[in-house]
Amino acid sequence: MRISFFGAAHEVTGSCHLVEIGSKKILFDCGMFQGDDFNEGKNADDFPFDPKEIDAVLVSHAHLDHTGRIPKLCREGFVGTIFMTEATCEFAKLIWADALDVMQYNNKKFQSPVFFSENDIAAASRACHGVRYNESVDLGDGVRAIFRDAGHIFGSAFIELSGEGKTLGFSGDLGNEHVPILKDTHPLDAVDVLLCESTYGDRVHEHLGERKKQIFDLMKEGWGRGGTIMIPAFSLERTQEFLYELNTMSEDDHSIPDIPIFLDSPLAIDAMKVYKKYPEYYDTEAAERYMHGDDFLQFPQLRLTYTREESKTINHVRGPKMVIAGAGMMNGGRILHHAHRYLSDPHSMLIIVGYQAQGTLGRKLYEGAEKVSIFGDEISVQCTVRAVGALSAHGDQKKLLSWIGAAKPGPKKVYCVHGEAHAATELAHRIRDRFGIASFVPEYGEVVEV
């Protein structure tokens, strides 16, 4: 078995790992690199392998940095099958259409590249095959895959790939602990080698018991300022979990301030339909609410702005107000228009609730930038900026170590991917020191035999 690391090596985005097992060439994910621009220039580069030779793509979940280059893969000759959970199949099509829309918009305004078309999306959609959790998938030549619930986003999975007498595990992205709607991450079974995400491999999140209090306190602070509360949210999961918490606060104790809350993301609005279609993915609490007819993603103060024209009407609503908009790293999407308008307002607030990749606007603001460039204009950052780790979709160092440590027997080798160099190295050292497992941080393009 041979593994080549062609993305998410010493960085978080661009997930793409080539596994050669038996006579098969299989990709774990084929995601978009993300940085300062929505579509990093290197996404348009040739793949470091021949797409025509790939037999199958196994997709961990629908986020753009795990699926964003699949239509390009089809454009360049891939004719195999794309395996993912049923919900991920539906989300991926929404993600690709949304990404194309953003790329075309940016191409018109800034001449940035567009590297796939509607025809490529159609080809990718035809190649998608939905699988159920814990179902054994026959890939031919004695190679099999099983998708387990990762608890990261709706339909997310970690994958066990078996062949040649070995089992390789790929974590994809693992979820935070005890998040709303989703079930907890499935335990790790015995694997020989593990590719493990390390996004938060060097830190521990705030205690999850404080989640609701944090949301309420931040809303109260923003409400008191009288401006706009901006939340750049990943359209899949962070947005829905945030709405779930707001719904609970609205129904249980009516504690959220009486201000308009705008969901300004067509992708997030479309995703709501998928959530309602697969209630078998819900955790116990969400399932009970669903059985009692509770639409836990809606509440009286929520206003959906689907079209660009509806989005523009938000500007005419005087504060205080809250706007939840994509993209989550502030490297594209409608959040940029709100940031352009309100970052310079000392009465407004920006709440960062997810990981921010290096080079993104979200990362610059998280690190305290006093001035940023948006649409070619220099914006002075006068608003309050807050970050909440407990609302992250990723498990922290404690969660990752617990998940690996519970496997009996544990893996013989772990490769820490999907993390910046420091985070991946810190996690690798912890795994080695705590469990005595050989742990590595692979370079881009590195090839290993296992």
Protein backbone atom coordinates (compact mmCIF):
# COMPACT_ATOMS: atom_id res chain seq x y z
CA MET A 1 0.00 0.00 0.00
CA ARG A 2 1.34 3.40 -0.99
CA ILE A 3 0.08 6.81 0.19
CA SER A 4 0.86 10.12 -1.54
CA PHE A 5 -0.03 13.37 0.22
CA PHE A 6 -1.25 15.89 -2.36
CA GLY A 7 -3.07 18.36 -0.12
CA ALA A 8 -3.73 19.37 3.48
CA ALA A 9 -0.07 18.67 4.31
CA HIS A 10 1.36 21.35 6.61
CA GLU A 11 -1.90 23.21 5.97
CA VAL A 12 -5.58 22.68 6.67
CA THR A 13 -7.20 23.00 3.25
CA GLY A 14 -6.89 21.19 -0.09
CA SER A 15 -7.57 17.69 1.23
CA CYS A 16 -6.32 15.12 -1.30
CA HIS A 17 -4.54 11.85 -0.53
CA LEU A 18 -3.81 9.19 -3.14
CA VAL A 19 -3.82 5.57 -1.97
CA GLU A 20 -2.51 2.81 -4.22
CA ILE A 21 -3.79 -0.49 -2.88
CA GLY A 22 -3.88 -3.73 -4.85
CA SER A 23 -4.55 -2.73 -8.44
CA LYS A 24 -6.61 0.29 -7.35
CA LYS A 25 -5.80 3.99 -7.23
CA ILE A 26 -8.13 5.69 -4.77
CA LEU A 27 -8.38 9.30 -3.60
CA PHE A 28 -9.38 10.32 -0.13
CA ASP A 29 -11.13 13.65 -0.89
CA CYS A 30 -10.30 16.17 -3.60
CA GLY A 31 -10.74 19.55 -1.99
CA MET A 32 -10.07 23.17 -2.77
CA PHE A 33 -7.13 25.08 -1.35
CA GLN A 34 -8.35 28.18 0.46
CA GLY A 35 -6.49 31.31 1.42
CA ASP A 36 -6.75 35.04 0.87
CA ASP A 37 -8.87 34.49 -2.23
CA PHE A 38 -11.95 32.26 -2.34
CA ASN A 39 -10.29 30.28 -5.12
CA GLU A 40 -6.54 30.03 -4.52
CA GLY A 41 -4.57 30.20 -7.74
CA LYS A 42 -3.05 26.75 -7.25
CA ASN A 43 -6.50 25.15 -7.53
CA ALA A 44 -6.24 25.67 -11.28
CA ASP A 45 -2.89 23.83 -11.48
CA ASP A 46 -2.64 20.38 -13.02
CA PHE A 47 -3.16 17.49 -10.63
CA PRO A 48 0.08 15.73 -9.60
CA PHE A 49 -1.45 12.47 -10.91
CA ASP A 50 -3.45 11.43 -13.95
CA PRO A 51 -7.19 11.77 -13.17
CA LYS A 52 -7.94 9.12 -15.81
CA GLU A 53 -6.08 6.53 -13.70
CA ILE A 54 -8.11 7.12 -10.51
CA ASP A 55 -10.60 4.31 -9.86
CA ALA A 56 -12.62 5.91 -7.07
CA VAL A 57 -12.86 8.94 -4.79
CA LEU A 58 -13.88 8.39 -1.16
CA VAL A 59 -15.24 11.65 0.27
CA SER A 60 -15.24 12.31 4.00
CA HIS A 61 -17.69 15.23 3.94
CA ALA A 62 -19.02 18.04 1.80
CA HIS A 63 -16.99 21.06 2.88
CA LEU A 64 -15.33 22.87 -0.01
CA ASP A 65 -11.78 22.09 1.15
CA HIS A 66 -12.66 18.38 0.87
CA THR A 67 -14.82 18.36 -2.31
CA GLY A 68 -14.10 21.57 -4.22
CA ARG A 69 -11.87 20.16 -6.98
CA ILE A 70 -13.97 17.08 -7.79
CA PRO A 71 -15.69 18.74 -10.78
CA LYS A 72 -12.22 19.71 -12.04
CA LEU A 73 -11.16 16.08 -11.60
CA CYS A 74 -14.06 15.04 -13.85
CA ARG A 75 -13.20 17.79 -16.32
CA GLU A 76 -9.71 16.34 -16.65
CA GLY A 77 -10.74 12.76 -17.33
CA PHE A 78 -11.86 11.00 -14.14
CA VAL A 79 -14.58 8.44 -14.98
CA GLY A 80 -14.67 6.37 -11.78
CA THR A 81 -17.16 6.40 -8.91
CA ILE A 82 -17.36 8.95 -6.09
CA PHE A 83 -18.45 7.37 -2.81
CA MET A 84 -19.88 9.47 0.01
CA THR A 85 -22.80 9.31 2.43
CA GLU A 86 -26.24 10.05 1.05
CA ALA A 87 -26.48 13.45 2.71
CA THR A 88 -23.00 14.36 1.51
CA CYS A 89 -24.08 13.57 -2.07
CA GLU A 90 -26.80 16.21 -1.79
CA PHE A 91 -24.63 18.74 0.01
CA ALA A 92 -21.78 18.35 -2.49
CA LYS A 93 -24.01 19.33 -5.39
CA LEU A 94 -25.09 22.45 -3.49
CA ILE A 95 -21.48 23.24 -2.58
CA TRP A 96 -20.29 22.91 -6.18
CA ALA A 97 -23.08 25.10 -7.57
CA ASP A 98 -22.43 27.73 -4.90
CA ALA A 99 -18.67 27.65 -5.54
CA LEU A 100 -19.20 28.08 -9.28
CA ASP A 101 -21.51 31.02 -8.63
CA VAL A 102 -18.88 32.69 -6.44
CA MET A 103 -16.07 31.97 -8.92
CA GLN A 104 -18.07 33.40 -11.82
CA TYR A 105 -18.94 36.50 -9.79
CA ASN A 106 -15.27 36.99 -8.78
CA ASN A 107 -14.17 36.39 -12.36
CA LYS A 108 -16.41 39.20 -13.58
CA LYS A 109 -15.23 41.63 -10.90
CA PHE A 110 -11.59 40.63 -10.40
CA GLN A 111 -10.73 38.31 -13.33
CA SER A 112 -9.95 35.45 -10.93
CA PRO A 113 -9.97 31.93 -12.42
CA VAL A 114 -12.96 29.64 -12.90
CA PHE A 115 -11.72 26.06 -13.10
CA PHE A 116 -14.92 24.07 -13.63
CA SER A 117 -18.29 24.50 -15.33
CA GLU A 118 -21.91 23.43 -14.95
CA ASN A 119 -21.17 20.49 -17.25
CA ASP A 120 -18.36 19.40 -14.93
CA ILE A 121 -20.71 19.60 -11.94
CA ALA A 122 -23.21 17.47 -13.84
CA ALA A 123 -20.52 14.87 -14.57
CA ALA A 124 -19.45 14.81 -10.92
CA SER A 125 -23.07 14.49 -9.79
CA ARG A 126 -23.63 11.50 -12.06
CA ALA A 127 -20.55 9.81 -10.61
CA CYS A 128 -21.74 10.18 -6.99
CA HIS A 129 -22.86 7.05 -5.17
CA GLY A 130 -24.47 7.43 -1.75
CA VAL A 131 -23.60 4.96 0.99
CA ARG A 132 -24.91 4.37 4.49
CA TYR A 133 -22.87 4.50 7.65
CA ASN A 134 -21.21 1.19 8.61
CA GLU A 135 -22.00 -0.31 5.19
CA SER A 136 -19.13 -2.27 3.59
CA VAL A 137 -18.42 -0.92 0.09
CA ASP A 138 -16.78 -3.29 -2.40
CA LEU A 139 -14.26 -1.40 -4.54
CA GLY A 140 -13.07 -4.50 -6.38
CA ASP A 141 -9.86 -6.57 -6.28
CA GLY A 142 -10.39 -7.33 -2.57
CA VAL A 143 -10.47 -3.66 -1.55
CA ARG A 144 -13.32 -2.51 0.70
CA ALA A 145 -14.29 0.70 2.46
CA ILE A 146 -16.51 1.49 5.43
CA PHE A 147 -17.82 4.97 6.28
CA ARG A 148 -18.25 5.75 10.01
CA ASP A 149 -19.99 8.78 11.53
CA ALA A 150 -17.37 11.48 12.19
CA GLY A 151 -19.75 13.86 13.99
CA HIS A 152 -18.20 16.85 12.17
CA ILE A 153 -21.02 18.02 9.91
CA PHE A 154 -24.26 16.41 8.78
CA GLY A 155 -23.31 13.27 6.82
CA SER A 156 -19.59 13.50 7.61
CA ALA A 157 -17.56 10.32 7.85
CA PHE A 158 -14.20 8.90 8.69
CA ILE A 159 -13.24 6.06 6.39
CA GLU A 160 -11.65 2.65 6.87
CA LEU A 161 -10.04 1.27 3.69
CA SER A 162 -8.97 -2.39 3.70
CA GLY A 163 -6.89 -4.43 1.26
CA GLU A 164 -3.61 -6.31 0.97
CA GLY A 165 -4.17 -7.57 4.52
CA LYS A 166 -4.02 -4.04 5.98
CA THR A 167 -6.52 -1.41 7.08
CA LEU A 168 -5.96 2.31 6.56
CA GLY A 169 -8.04 4.85 8.47
CA PHE A 170 -8.73 8.39 7.24
CA SER A 171 -10.27 10.67 9.86
CA GLY A 172 -11.54 13.32 7.47
CA ASP A 173 -12.52 16.01 9.98
CA LEU A 174 -13.66 14.86 13.41
CA GLY A 175 -16.40 16.73 15.22
CA ASN A 176 -16.34 18.66 18.45
CA GLU A 177 -17.80 17.08 21.57
CA HIS A 178 -21.55 17.01 22.31
CA VAL A 179 -22.63 19.32 19.50
CA PRO A 180 -26.32 19.91 18.72
CA ILE A 181 -28.12 17.80 16.10
CA LEU A 182 -25.23 15.40 15.38
CA LYS A 183 -24.40 12.09 16.98
CA ASP A 184 -21.05 11.73 18.70
CA THR A 185 -18.07 10.54 16.68
CA HIS A 186 -18.07 6.76 16.16
CA PRO A 187 -15.19 5.02 17.99
CA LEU A 188 -12.06 4.24 15.99
CA ASP A 189 -11.74 0.55 15.19
CA ALA A 190 -8.44 -1.28 14.83
CA VAL A 191 -6.47 0.16 11.90
CA ASP A 192 -2.85 -0.38 10.93
CA VAL A 193 -2.24 3.18 9.74
CA LEU A 194 -4.21 6.36 10.43
CA LEU A 195 -4.30 9.66 8.56
CA CYS A 196 -5.55 11.99 11.27
CA GLU A 197 -6.66 15.59 11.05
CA SER A 198 -4.81 18.03 13.31
CA THR A 199 -6.60 21.34 12.80
CA TYR A 200 -6.72 21.98 16.55
CA GLY A 201 -3.93 19.58 17.44
CA ASP A 202 -2.21 22.22 19.56
CA ARG A 203 -5.12 23.57 21.61
CA VAL A 204 -8.12 22.78 23.76
CA HIS A 205 -11.51 24.46 23.25
CA GLU A 206 -13.50 26.24 25.89
CA HIS A 207 -15.81 24.01 27.91
CA LEU A 208 -18.89 23.09 25.86
CA GLY A 209 -21.14 23.57 28.86
CA GLU A 210 -20.59 27.29 28.36
CA ARG A 211 -21.82 27.23 24.75
CA LYS A 212 -25.27 28.71 25.35
CA LYS A 213 -23.98 31.26 27.86
CA GLN A 214 -21.29 32.38 25.41
CA ILE A 215 -23.84 32.90 22.66
CA PHE A 216 -26.18 34.81 24.95
CA ASP A 217 -23.43 36.98 26.43
CA LEU A 218 -22.06 37.89 22.99
CA MET A 219 -25.51 38.69 21.65
CA LYS A 220 -26.24 40.80 24.70
CA GLU A 221 -22.96 42.67 24.28
CA GLY A 222 -23.59 43.23 20.57
CA TRP A 223 -27.18 44.26 21.20
CA GLY A 224 -26.01 46.76 23.79
CA ARG A 225 -23.61 48.32 21.31
CA GLY A 226 -26.50 49.00 18.96
CA GLY A 227 -24.71 47.95 15.78
CA THR A 228 -24.57 44.90 13.56
CA ILE A 229 -23.46 41.52 14.90
CA MET A 230 -21.68 39.73 12.03
CA ILE A 231 -21.16 35.98 12.10
CA PRO A 232 -19.13 34.52 9.21
CA ALA A 233 -20.46 30.96 9.33
CA PHE A 234 -19.70 27.84 7.36
CA SER A 235 -22.97 27.21 5.56
CA LEU A 236 -22.95 23.50 6.48
CA GLU A 237 -23.20 22.74 10.20
CA ARG A 238 -21.89 25.82 12.02
CA THR A 239 -24.85 27.78 10.72
CA GLN A 240 -27.37 25.06 11.54
CA GLU A 241 -25.93 24.44 15.01
CA PHE A 242 -25.99 28.16 15.74
CA LEU A 243 -29.63 28.34 14.63
CA TYR A 244 -30.41 25.29 16.79
CA GLU A 245 -29.00 27.03 19.85
CA LEU A 246 -30.87 30.25 19.07
CA ASN A 247 -34.08 28.26 18.58
CA THR A 248 -33.60 26.57 21.95
CA MET A 249 -32.96 29.89 23.67
CA SER A 250 -36.02 31.37 21.98
CA GLU A 251 -38.33 28.50 22.99
CA ASP A 252 -37.00 27.60 26.42
CA ASP A 253 -36.49 30.90 28.17
CA HIS A 254 -36.98 33.63 25.54
CA SER A 255 -33.53 34.88 26.50
CA ILE A 256 -32.32 36.13 23.12
CA PRO A 257 -32.74 39.86 22.51
CA ASP A 258 -35.65 40.90 20.32
CA ILE A 259 -33.59 41.86 17.28
CA PRO A 260 -33.85 40.73 13.65
CA ILE A 261 -31.53 37.82 12.80
CA PHE A 262 -30.75 37.40 9.09
CA LEU A 263 -29.57 34.16 7.54
CA ASP A 264 -27.88 35.60 4.47
CA SER A 265 -26.66 32.43 2.75
CA PRO A 266 -28.46 30.68 -0.11
CA LEU A 267 -26.33 27.58 0.51
CA ALA A 268 -27.29 27.38 4.19
CA ILE A 269 -30.96 27.91 3.34
CA ASP A 270 -30.87 25.14 0.72
CA ALA A 271 -29.07 22.87 3.19
CA MET A 272 -32.01 23.04 5.61
CA LYS A 273 -33.99 20.79 3.27
CA VAL A 274 -31.30 18.10 3.48
CA TYR A 275 -31.38 18.22 7.28
CA LYS A 276 -35.09 17.50 7.22
CA LYS A 277 -34.65 14.63 4.75
CA TYR A 278 -32.31 12.52 6.91
CA PRO A 279 -33.60 12.48 10.50
CA GLU A 280 -31.77 9.17 11.06
CA TYR A 281 -28.57 11.24 11.41
CA TYR A 282 -29.96 13.19 14.40
CA ASP A 283 -28.76 12.73 17.95
CA THR A 284 -31.30 11.76 20.63
CA GLU A 285 -32.37 15.30 21.53
CA ALA A 286 -32.80 16.47 17.93
CA ALA A 287 -34.65 13.25 17.05
CA GLU A 288 -37.12 13.79 19.90
CA ARG A 289 -37.75 17.36 18.84
CA TYR A 290 -38.25 16.21 15.25
CA MET A 291 -40.75 13.53 16.37
CA HIS A 292 -42.75 16.21 18.18
CA GLY A 293 -42.91 18.38 15.06
CA ASP A 294 -40.40 20.96 16.27
CA ASP A 295 -38.65 22.74 13.39
CA PHE A 296 -35.48 23.41 15.37
CA LEU A 297 -33.88 25.54 12.64
CA GLN A 298 -36.61 28.19 12.68
CA PHE A 299 -37.72 30.77 15.23
CA PRO A 300 -39.76 34.02 15.04
CA GLN A 301 -36.85 36.47 14.74
CA LEU A 302 -35.14 34.62 11.90
CA ARG A 303 -35.37 36.15 8.43
CA LEU A 304 -34.09 34.30 5.36
CA THR A 305 -32.50 36.41 2.61
CA TYR A 306 -32.00 34.09 -0.35
CA THR A 307 -31.57 36.37 -3.35
CA ARG A 308 -29.00 39.13 -3.77
CA GLU A 309 -31.85 41.64 -3.83
CA GLU A 310 -33.15 40.35 -0.49
CA SER A 311 -29.63 40.48 0.90
CA LYS A 312 -29.28 44.15 0.00
CA THR A 313 -32.39 45.01 2.05
CA ILE A 314 -30.42 44.16 5.22
CA ASN A 315 -28.53 47.43 4.76
CA HIS A 316 -31.75 49.38 5.28
CA VAL A 317 -32.53 47.77 8.64
CA ARG A 318 -31.15 49.92 11.41
CA GLY A 319 -29.29 48.24 14.25
CA PRO A 320 -29.11 46.38 16.39
CA LYS A 321 -29.31 43.30 14.14
CA MET A 322 -27.47 40.04 13.52
CA VAL A 323 -26.27 38.76 10.15
CA ILE A 324 -25.14 35.15 9.65
CA ALA A 325 -23.45 34.84 6.25
CA GLY A 326 -20.87 32.76 4.38
CA ALA A 327 -18.07 32.23 3.72
CA GLY A 328 -16.86 31.03 7.09
CA MET A 329 -13.24 32.12 6.53
CA MET A 330 -14.33 35.46 5.03
CA ASN A 331 -12.51 34.69 1.77
CA GLY A 332 -15.60 35.15 -0.40
CA GLY A 333 -19.38 35.23 -0.26
CA ARG A 334 -21.84 37.72 1.18
CA ILE A 335 -20.04 38.19 4.50
CA LEU A 336 -17.52 40.36 2.64
CA HIS A 337 -20.20 42.91 1.77
CA HIS A 338 -21.27 43.15 5.41
CA ALA A 339 -17.66 43.32 6.58
CA HIS A 340 -16.97 46.08 4.05
CA ARG A 341 -19.87 48.03 5.50
CA TYR A 342 -19.60 47.36 9.23
CA LEU A 343 -15.99 46.54 10.22
CA SER A 344 -15.30 50.25 10.56
CA ASP A 345 -18.32 50.74 12.83
CA PRO A 346 -17.29 50.83 16.53
CA HIS A 347 -20.87 49.88 17.48
CA SER A 348 -20.71 46.61 15.53
CA MET A 349 -19.25 43.21 16.43
CA LEU A 350 -17.68 40.32 14.52
CA ILE A 351 -18.00 36.84 16.09
CA ILE A 352 -15.63 34.21 14.66
CA VAL A 353 -16.95 30.69 15.25
CA GLY A 354 -14.78 28.43 13.08
CA TYR A 355 -11.24 27.71 11.96
CA GLN A 356 -9.60 30.46 9.87
CA ALA A 357 -6.94 29.31 7.39
CA GLN A 358 -3.70 31.19 6.94
CA GLY A 359 -4.01 34.13 4.57
CA THR A 360 -7.79 34.50 4.87
CA LEU A 361 -9.47 37.71 5.93
CA GLY A 362 -10.96 35.86 8.89
CA ARG A 363 -7.47 34.86 10.06
CA LYS A 364 -6.19 38.42 9.77
CA LEU A 365 -9.09 39.73 11.85
CA TYR A 366 -8.71 36.88 14.36
CA GLU A 367 -5.07 37.86 14.80
CA GLY A 368 -5.99 41.50 15.45
CA ALA A 369 -5.45 43.30 12.14
CA GLU A 370 -6.22 46.99 12.46
CA LYS A 371 -6.65 47.52 8.72
CA VAL A 372 -7.75 45.09 6.02
CA SER A 373 -8.43 45.25 2.29
CA ILE A 374 -11.90 44.34 0.97
CA PHE A 375 -12.88 44.83 -2.68
CA GLY A 376 -9.74 46.92 -3.13
CA ASP A 377 -10.67 49.34 -0.34
CA GLU A 378 -8.67 49.73 2.86
CA ILE A 379 -10.99 49.27 5.82
CA SER A 380 -10.12 50.40 9.34
CA VAL A 381 -11.22 47.77 11.85
CA GLN A 382 -13.12 49.63 14.55
CA CYS A 383 -15.69 46.98 15.49
CA THR A 384 -15.24 44.50 18.33
CA VAL A 385 -13.86 41.08 17.27
CA ARG A 386 -14.60 37.97 19.35
CA ALA A 387 -13.75 34.28 18.76
CA VAL A 388 -15.50 31.26 20.30
CA GLY A 389 -13.68 27.91 20.13
CA ALA A 390 -16.56 25.96 21.67
CA LEU A 391 -18.56 26.57 18.50
CA SER A 392 -15.90 25.03 16.27
CA ALA A 393 -16.82 22.03 14.11
CA HIS A 394 -13.46 20.40 14.81
CA GLY A 395 -12.45 18.31 17.76
CA ASP A 396 -9.61 19.77 19.82
CA GLN A 397 -6.38 18.10 20.93
CA LYS A 398 -8.10 16.38 23.86
CA LYS A 399 -10.79 14.92 21.60
CA LEU A 400 -8.30 13.69 18.98
CA LEU A 401 -6.08 11.99 21.55
CA SER A 402 -9.06 10.37 23.26
CA TRP A 403 -10.36 9.04 19.93
CA ILE A 404 -7.00 7.56 18.94
CA GLY A 405 -6.27 6.21 22.40
CA ALA A 406 -9.56 4.32 22.63
CA ALA A 407 -8.75 2.11 19.61
CA LYS A 408 -7.74 -1.42 20.64
CA PRO A 409 -5.25 -2.23 19.33
CA GLY A 410 -4.08 1.23 18.38
CA PRO A 411 -2.62 2.09 14.97
CA LYS A 412 1.01 1.29 14.31
CA LYS A 413 1.57 4.60 12.52
CA VAL A 414 -0.24 7.95 12.47
CA TYR A 415 0.24 10.66 9.83
CA CYS A 416 -0.99 14.07 11.05
CA VAL A 417 -2.59 15.96 8.18
CA HIS A 418 -5.10 18.81 7.84
CA GLY A 419 -3.25 21.08 10.22
CA GLU A 420 -0.74 23.89 10.12
CA ALA A 421 2.82 22.79 10.84
CA HIS A 422 2.80 23.68 14.54
CA ALA A 423 -0.57 22.09 15.27
CA ALA A 424 0.25 18.90 13.34
CA THR A 425 3.69 18.59 14.96
CA GLU A 426 2.32 19.17 18.45
CA LEU A 427 -0.32 16.48 17.97
CA ALA A 428 2.24 14.05 16.52
CA HIS A 429 4.48 14.52 19.55
CA ARG A 430 1.56 13.97 21.94
CA ILE A 431 0.53 10.77 20.13
CA ARG A 432 4.10 9.47 20.24
CA ASP A 433 4.67 10.34 23.89
CA ARG A 434 1.31 9.19 25.21
CA PHE A 435 0.73 6.03 23.18
CA GLY A 436 4.16 5.07 21.86
CA ILE A 437 2.85 5.22 18.28
CA ALA A 438 5.18 6.26 15.46
CA SER A 439 3.77 9.60 14.31
CA PHE A 440 4.70 11.78 11.35
CA VAL A 441 3.82 15.10 9.73
CA PRO A 442 4.04 14.50 5.95
CA GLU A 443 5.16 17.11 3.44
CA TYR A 444 3.17 17.96 0.32
CA GLY A 445 4.01 15.39 -2.35
CA GLU A 446 5.59 12.95 0.12
CA VAL A 447 5.05 9.28 -0.70
CA VAL A 448 5.12 6.53 1.96
CA GLU A 449 4.90 2.75 1.78
CA VAL A 450 2.92 0.99 4.51
